[in-house]
Amino acid sequence: MAIKFFMAMEPPTATHQEHKVAVIKGRPVIYDGPELKAARQKLLAHLAKHKPRKQIETGCRLMVKWCFPKGSHGQGEYRTTKPDTDNLQKLLKDCMTVCGFWKDDALVASEIVEKFWADPPGIYIQIEELS
Protein backbone atom coordinates (compact mmCIF):
# COMPACT_ATOMS: atom_id res chain seq x y z
CA MET A 1 0.00 0.00 0.00
CA ALA A 2 1.27 3.49 -0.84
CA ILE A 3 -0.21 6.81 0.18
CA LYS A 4 0.76 9.97 -1.72
CA PHE A 5 -0.55 13.50 -1.34
CA PHE A 6 0.41 17.17 -1.52
CA MET A 7 -0.77 19.71 1.04
CA ALA A 8 -0.73 23.13 -0.63
CA MET A 9 0.23 25.62 2.07
CA GLU A 10 3.07 27.71 3.36
CA PRO A 11 4.80 25.10 5.54
CA PRO A 12 5.08 26.10 9.18
CA THR A 13 8.59 26.90 10.37
CA ALA A 14 7.85 26.52 14.09
CA THR A 15 9.15 23.15 15.24
CA HIS A 16 8.72 20.66 18.04
CA GLN A 17 11.90 22.02 19.64
CA GLU A 18 10.27 25.38 20.35
CA HIS A 19 8.51 24.49 23.58
CA LYS A 20 8.27 27.20 26.24
CA VAL A 21 9.09 26.73 29.92
CA ALA A 22 7.37 28.44 32.82
CA VAL A 23 8.11 27.99 36.50
CA ILE A 24 4.95 27.39 38.51
CA LYS A 25 5.20 26.85 42.25
CA GLY A 26 8.94 26.33 41.85
CA ARG A 27 8.59 23.61 39.20
CA PRO A 28 9.31 23.90 35.48
CA VAL A 29 6.26 23.39 33.26
CA ILE A 30 6.78 22.83 29.54
CA TYR A 31 4.11 24.14 27.17
CA ASP A 32 3.60 25.00 23.50
CA GLY A 33 3.93 28.68 22.67
CA PRO A 34 1.50 30.38 20.27
CA GLU A 35 3.66 29.80 17.17
CA LEU A 36 4.01 26.08 17.87
CA LYS A 37 0.29 25.74 18.65
CA ALA A 38 -0.56 27.45 15.35
CA ALA A 39 1.87 25.20 13.42
CA ARG A 40 0.41 22.07 15.03
CA GLN A 41 -3.18 23.15 14.26
CA LYS A 42 -2.28 23.98 10.65
CA LEU A 43 -0.67 20.57 10.11
CA LEU A 44 -3.52 18.71 11.82
CA ALA A 45 -6.12 20.49 9.67
CA HIS A 46 -4.32 19.67 6.41
CA LEU A 47 -3.40 16.09 7.39
CA ALA A 48 -6.95 15.21 8.49
CA LYS A 49 -8.07 15.50 4.85
CA HIS A 50 -5.66 12.72 3.87
CA LYS A 51 -6.08 10.27 6.74
CA PRO A 52 -6.04 6.69 5.42
CA ARG A 53 -9.14 4.55 5.90
CA LYS A 54 -6.99 1.97 7.68
CA GLN A 55 -4.06 2.76 9.94
CA ILE A 56 -0.64 1.62 8.83
CA GLU A 57 0.25 -1.34 11.05
CA THR A 58 3.64 -2.41 9.70
CA GLY A 59 7.02 -0.80 9.19
CA CYS A 60 6.94 1.97 6.63
CA ARG A 61 9.05 4.44 4.67
CA LEU A 62 8.11 8.11 4.93
CA MET A 63 9.21 10.49 2.19
CA VAL A 64 8.58 14.18 2.77
CA LYS A 65 9.43 17.12 0.53
CA TRP A 66 9.08 20.45 2.31
CA CYS A 67 8.45 23.12 -0.34
CA PHE A 68 8.88 26.64 1.02
CA PRO A 69 7.82 29.78 -0.91
CA LYS A 70 10.67 30.41 -3.33
CA GLY A 71 10.79 34.21 -3.28
CA SER A 72 14.05 35.14 -5.04
CA HIS A 73 15.41 31.57 -4.93
CA GLY A 74 15.44 29.25 -7.92
CA GLN A 75 12.59 26.79 -8.41
CA GLY A 76 13.53 23.48 -6.75
CA GLU A 77 16.72 24.88 -5.20
CA TYR A 78 17.55 23.11 -1.92
CA ARG A 79 16.84 25.13 1.22
CA THR A 80 19.94 25.01 3.41
CA THR A 81 18.72 27.29 6.19
CA LYS A 82 16.68 26.66 9.32
CA PRO A 83 14.44 25.02 10.31
CA ASP A 84 16.32 21.73 10.50
CA THR A 85 14.66 18.78 8.77
CA ASP A 86 14.73 16.60 11.91
CA ASN A 87 12.81 19.23 13.87
CA LEU A 88 10.27 19.68 11.05
CA GLN A 89 9.77 15.92 10.85
CA LYS A 90 9.17 15.45 14.58
CA LEU A 91 6.17 17.80 14.61
CA LEU A 92 4.83 16.38 11.34
CA LYS A 93 5.06 12.75 12.52
CA ASP A 94 3.47 13.61 15.87
CA CYS A 95 0.56 15.23 13.99
CA MET A 96 0.28 12.21 11.67
CA THR A 97 0.01 9.98 14.75
CA VAL A 98 -2.76 12.15 16.20
CA CYS A 99 -4.61 12.02 12.86
CA GLY A 100 -4.44 8.22 12.80
CA PHE A 101 -2.00 7.48 9.99
CA TRP A 102 -0.42 4.90 12.32
CA LYS A 103 -0.65 3.87 15.96
CA ASP A 104 2.91 4.99 16.68
CA ASP A 105 5.45 6.84 14.54
CA ALA A 106 8.02 4.26 15.66
CA LEU A 107 6.68 2.28 12.66
CA VAL A 108 8.58 4.71 10.42
CA ALA A 109 11.73 2.67 9.78
CA SER A 110 12.99 4.65 6.78
CA GLU A 111 12.81 8.37 6.07
CA ILE A 112 13.71 10.53 3.11
CA VAL A 113 13.41 14.24 3.87
CA GLU A 114 14.23 17.20 1.64
CA LYS A 115 13.67 20.96 1.84
CA PHE A 116 13.26 23.09 -1.27
CA TRP A 117 12.34 26.57 -2.39
CA ALA A 118 9.34 26.02 -4.64
CA ASP A 119 6.21 27.40 -6.22
CA PRO A 120 3.65 26.22 -5.25
CA PRO A 121 4.66 25.91 -1.61
CA GLY A 122 3.46 22.96 0.42
CA ILE A 123 4.36 19.54 1.77
CA TYR A 124 4.50 16.41 -0.39
CA ILE A 125 4.12 13.18 1.55
CA GLN A 126 4.54 9.58 0.41
CA ILE A 127 4.18 6.59 2.74
CA GLU A 128 5.05 3.05 1.65
CA GLU A 129 4.64 -0.05 3.77
CA LEU A 130 7.80 -2.11 4.01
CA SER A 131 7.55 -5.82 3.32
C-alpha atoms as a PDB file:
ATOM      1  CA  MET A   1       0.000   0.000   0.000  1.00  0.00           C
ATOM      2  CA  ALA A   2       1.272   3.487  -0.844  1.00  0.00           C
ATOM      3  CA  ILE A   3      -0.212   6.809   0.178  1.00  0.00           C
ATOM      4  CA  LYS A   4       0.757   9.974  -1.718  1.00  0.00           C
ATOM      5  CA  PHE A   5      -0.553  13.499  -1.338  1.00  0.00           C
ATOM      6  CA  PHE A   6       0.415  17.173  -1.522  1.00  0.00           C
ATOM      7  CA  MET A   7      -0.774  19.709   1.036  1.00  0.00           C
ATOM      8  CA  ALA A   8      -0.732  23.127  -0.631  1.00  0.00           C
ATOM      9  CA  MET A   9       0.228  25.620   2.074  1.00  0.00           C
ATOM     10  CA  GLU A  10       3.070  27.708   3.356  1.00  0.00           C
ATOM     11  CA  PRO A  11       4.805  25.105   5.539  1.00  0.00           C
ATOM     12  CA  PRO A  12       5.079  26.099   9.184  1.00  0.00           C
ATOM     13  CA  THR A  13       8.588  26.905  10.372  1.00  0.00           C
ATOM     14  CA  ALA A  14       7.851  26.522  14.090  1.00  0.00           C
ATOM     15  CA  THR A  15       9.152  23.151  15.237  1.00  0.00           C
ATOM     16  CA  HIS A  16       8.722  20.656  18.040  1.00  0.00           C
ATOM     17  CA  GLN A  17      11.901  22.018  19.644  1.00  0.00           C
ATOM     18  CA  GLU A  18      10.267  25.377  20.349  1.00  0.00           C
ATOM     19  CA  HIS A  19       8.511  24.494  23.584  1.00  0.00           C
ATOM     20  CA  LYS A  20       8.273  27.197  26.243  1.00  0.00           C
ATOM     21  CA  VAL A  21       9.090  26.726  29.916  1.00  0.00           C
ATOM     22  CA  ALA A  22       7.366  28.437  32.821  1.00  0.00           C
ATOM     23  CA  VAL A  23       8.111  27.994  36.498  1.00  0.00           C
ATOM     24  CA  ILE A  24       4.949  27.389  38.508  1.00  0.00           C
ATOM     25  CA  LYS A  25       5.200  26.854  42.249  1.00  0.00           C
ATOM     26  CA  GLY A  26       8.935  26.329  41.851  1.00  0.00           C
ATOM     27  CA  ARG A  27       8.593  23.610  39.200  1.00  0.00           C
ATOM     28  CA  PRO A  28       9.307  23.904  35.479  1.00  0.00           C
ATOM     29  CA  VAL A  29       6.258  23.386  33.265  1.00  0.00           C
ATOM     30  CA  ILE A  30       6.777  22.826  29.535  1.00  0.00           C
ATOM     31  CA  TYR A  31       4.107  24.144  27.173  1.00  0.00           C
ATOM     32  CA  ASP A  32       3.597  25.001  23.502  1.00  0.00           C
ATOM     33  CA  GLY A  33       3.935  28.683  22.668  1.00  0.00           C
ATOM     34  CA  PRO A  34       1.502  30.375  20.270  1.00  0.00           C
ATOM     35  CA  GLU A  35       3.661  29.799  17.170  1.00  0.00           C
ATOM     36  CA  LEU A  36       4.011  26.080  17.872  1.00  0.00           C
ATOM     37  CA  LYS A  37       0.285  25.739  18.647  1.00  0.00           C
ATOM     38  CA  ALA A  38      -0.555  27.450  15.345  1.00  0.00           C
ATOM     39  CA  ALA A  39       1.867  25.205  13.421  1.00  0.00           C
ATOM     40  CA  ARG A  40       0.410  22.074  15.034  1.00  0.00           C
ATOM     41  CA  GLN A  41      -3.181  23.145  14.259  1.00  0.00           C
ATOM     42  CA  LYS A  42      -2.280  23.975  10.654  1.00  0.00           C
ATOM     43  CA  LEU A  43      -0.671  20.571  10.106  1.00  0.00           C
ATOM     44  CA  LEU A  44      -3.515  18.714  11.817  1.00  0.00           C
ATOM     45  CA  ALA A  45      -6.125  20.491   9.673  1.00  0.00           C
ATOM     46  CA  HIS A  46      -4.322  19.666   6.414  1.00  0.00           C
ATOM     47  CA  LEU A  47      -3.400  16.091   7.392  1.00  0.00           C
ATOM     48  CA  ALA A  48      -6.951  15.211   8.493  1.00  0.00           C
ATOM     49  CA  LYS A  49      -8.072  15.501   4.853  1.00  0.00           C
ATOM     50  CA  HIS A  50      -5.656  12.718   3.869  1.00  0.00           C
ATOM     51  CA  LYS A  51      -6.081  10.265   6.739  1.00  0.00           C
ATOM     52  CA  PRO A  52      -6.038   6.693   5.416  1.00  0.00           C
ATOM     53  CA  ARG A  53      -9.142   4.549   5.904  1.00  0.00           C
ATOM     54  CA  LYS A  54      -6.994   1.967   7.676  1.00  0.00           C
ATOM     55  CA  GLN A  55      -4.060   2.764   9.938  1.00  0.00           C
ATOM     56  CA  ILE A  56      -0.638   1.618   8.834  1.00  0.00           C
ATOM     57  CA  GLU A  57       0.255  -1.343  11.054  1.00  0.00           C
ATOM     58  CA  THR A  58       3.645  -2.414   9.696  1.00  0.00           C
ATOM     59  CA  GLY A  59       7.023  -0.798   9.192  1.00  0.00           C
ATOM     60  CA  CYS A  60       6.943   1.969   6.626  1.00  0.00           C
ATOM     61  CA  ARG A  61       9.046   4.444   4.674  1.00  0.00           C
ATOM     62  CA  LEU A  62       8.107   8.113   4.926  1.00  0.00           C
ATOM     63  CA  MET A  63       9.210  10.485   2.185  1.00  0.00           C
ATOM     64  CA  VAL A  64       8.584  14.183   2.771  1.00  0.00           C
ATOM     65  CA  LYS A  65       9.427  17.118   0.534  1.00  0.00           C
ATOM     66  CA  TRP A  66       9.076  20.452   2.307  1.00  0.00           C
ATOM     67  CA  CYS A  67       8.449  23.117  -0.337  1.00  0.00           C
ATOM     68  CA  PHE A  68       8.878  26.642   1.019  1.00  0.00           C
ATOM     69  CA  PRO A  69       7.819  29.781  -0.910  1.00  0.00           C
ATOM     70  CA  LYS A  70      10.669  30.408  -3.329  1.00  0.00           C
ATOM     71  CA  GLY A  71      10.786  34.205  -3.285  1.00  0.00           C
ATOM     72  CA  SER A  72      14.048  35.137  -5.043  1.00  0.00           C
ATOM     73  CA  HIS A  73      15.409  31.571  -4.933  1.00  0.00           C
ATOM     74  CA  GLY A  74      15.444  29.248  -7.917  1.00  0.00           C
ATOM     75  CA  GLN A  75      12.592  26.793  -8.407  1.00  0.00           C
ATOM     76  CA  GLY A  76      13.527  23.482  -6.754  1.00  0.00           C
ATOM     77  CA  GLU A  77      16.718  24.876  -5.197  1.00  0.00           C
ATOM     78  CA  TYR A  78      17.552  23.112  -1.917  1.00  0.00           C
ATOM     79  CA  ARG A  79      16.836  25.130   1.219  1.00  0.00           C
ATOM     80  CA  THR A  80      19.937  25.008   3.409  1.00  0.00           C
ATOM     81  CA  THR A  81      18.720  27.289   6.185  1.00  0.00           C
ATOM     82  CA  LYS A  82      16.684  26.664   9.323  1.00  0.00           C
ATOM     83  CA  PRO A  83      14.443  25.023  10.315  1.00  0.00           C
ATOM     84  CA  ASP A  84      16.320  21.732  10.495  1.00  0.00           C
ATOM     85  CA  THR A  85      14.661  18.779   8.768  1.00  0.00           C
ATOM     86  CA  ASP A  86      14.726  16.605  11.907  1.00  0.00           C
ATOM     87  CA  ASN A  87      12.805  19.229  13.866  1.00  0.00           C
ATOM     88  CA  LEU A  88      10.269  19.683  11.052  1.00  0.00           C
ATOM     89  CA  GLN A  89       9.768  15.921  10.846  1.00  0.00           C
ATOM     90  CA  LYS A  90       9.167  15.453  14.581  1.00  0.00           C
ATOM     91  CA  LEU A  91       6.174  17.799  14.610  1.00  0.00           C
ATOM     92  CA  LEU A  92       4.827  16.377  11.340  1.00  0.00           C
ATOM     93  CA  LYS A  93       5.063  12.746  12.520  1.00  0.00           C
ATOM     94  CA  ASP A  94       3.467  13.612  15.872  1.00  0.00           C
ATOM     95  CA  CYS A  95       0.565  15.227  13.989  1.00  0.00           C
ATOM     96  CA  MET A  96       0.283  12.213  11.674  1.00  0.00           C
ATOM     97  CA  THR A  97       0.014   9.984  14.753  1.00  0.00           C
ATOM     98  CA  VAL A  98      -2.759  12.155  16.203  1.00  0.00           C
ATOM     99  CA  CYS A  99      -4.611  12.020  12.855  1.00  0.00           C
ATOM    100  CA  GLY A 100      -4.441   8.221  12.799  1.00  0.00           C
ATOM    101  CA  PHE A 101      -1.998   7.484   9.992  1.00  0.00           C
ATOM    102  CA  TRP A 102      -0.421   4.898  12.316  1.00  0.00           C
ATOM    103  CA  LYS A 103      -0.647   3.869  15.965  1.00  0.00           C
ATOM    104  CA  ASP A 104       2.912   4.994  16.676  1.00  0.00           C
ATOM    105  CA  ASP A 105       5.446   6.840  14.540  1.00  0.00           C
ATOM    106  CA  ALA A 106       8.018   4.256  15.660  1.00  0.00           C
ATOM    107  CA  LEU A 107       6.683   2.281  12.658  1.00  0.00           C
ATOM    108  CA  VAL A 108       8.584   4.706  10.420  1.00  0.00           C
ATOM    109  CA  ALA A 109      11.734   2.667   9.775  1.00  0.00           C
ATOM    110  CA  SER A 110      12.994   4.649   6.781  1.00  0.00           C
ATOM    111  CA  GLU A 111      12.814   8.370   6.065  1.00  0.00           C
ATOM    112  CA  ILE A 112      13.713  10.528   3.109  1.00  0.00           C
ATOM    113  CA  VAL A 113      13.413  14.243   3.868  1.00  0.00           C
ATOM    114  CA  GLU A 114      14.228  17.203   1.638  1.00  0.00           C
ATOM    115  CA  LYS A 115      13.669  20.962   1.840  1.00  0.00           C
ATOM    116  CA  PHE A 116      13.263  23.093  -1.270  1.00  0.00           C
ATOM    117  CA  TRP A 117      12.338  26.566  -2.391  1.00  0.00           C
ATOM    118  CA  ALA A 118       9.340  26.020  -4.645  1.00  0.00           C
ATOM    119  CA  ASP A 119       6.210  27.396  -6.219  1.00  0.00           C
ATOM    120  CA  PRO A 120       3.655  26.221  -5.253  1.00  0.00           C
ATOM    121  CA  PRO A 121       4.658  25.908  -1.606  1.00  0.00           C
ATOM    122  CA  GLY A 122       3.459  22.955   0.422  1.00  0.00           C
ATOM    123  CA  ILE A 123       4.365  19.541   1.772  1.00  0.00           C
ATOM    124  CA  TYR A 124       4.504  16.410  -0.393  1.00  0.00           C
ATOM    125  CA  ILE A 125       4.123  13.176   1.552  1.00  0.00           C
ATOM    126  CA  GLN A 126       4.540   9.579   0.411  1.00  0.00           C
ATOM    127  CA  ILE A 127       4.185   6.587   2.735  1.00  0.00           C
ATOM    128  CA  GLU A 128       5.048   3.050   1.650  1.00  0.00           C
ATOM    129  CA  GLU A 129       4.638  -0.053   3.773  1.00  0.00           C
ATOM    130  CA  LEU A 130       7.803  -2.113   4.011  1.00  0.00           C
ATOM    131  CA  SER A 131       7.552  -5.823   3.317  1.00  0.00           C
END
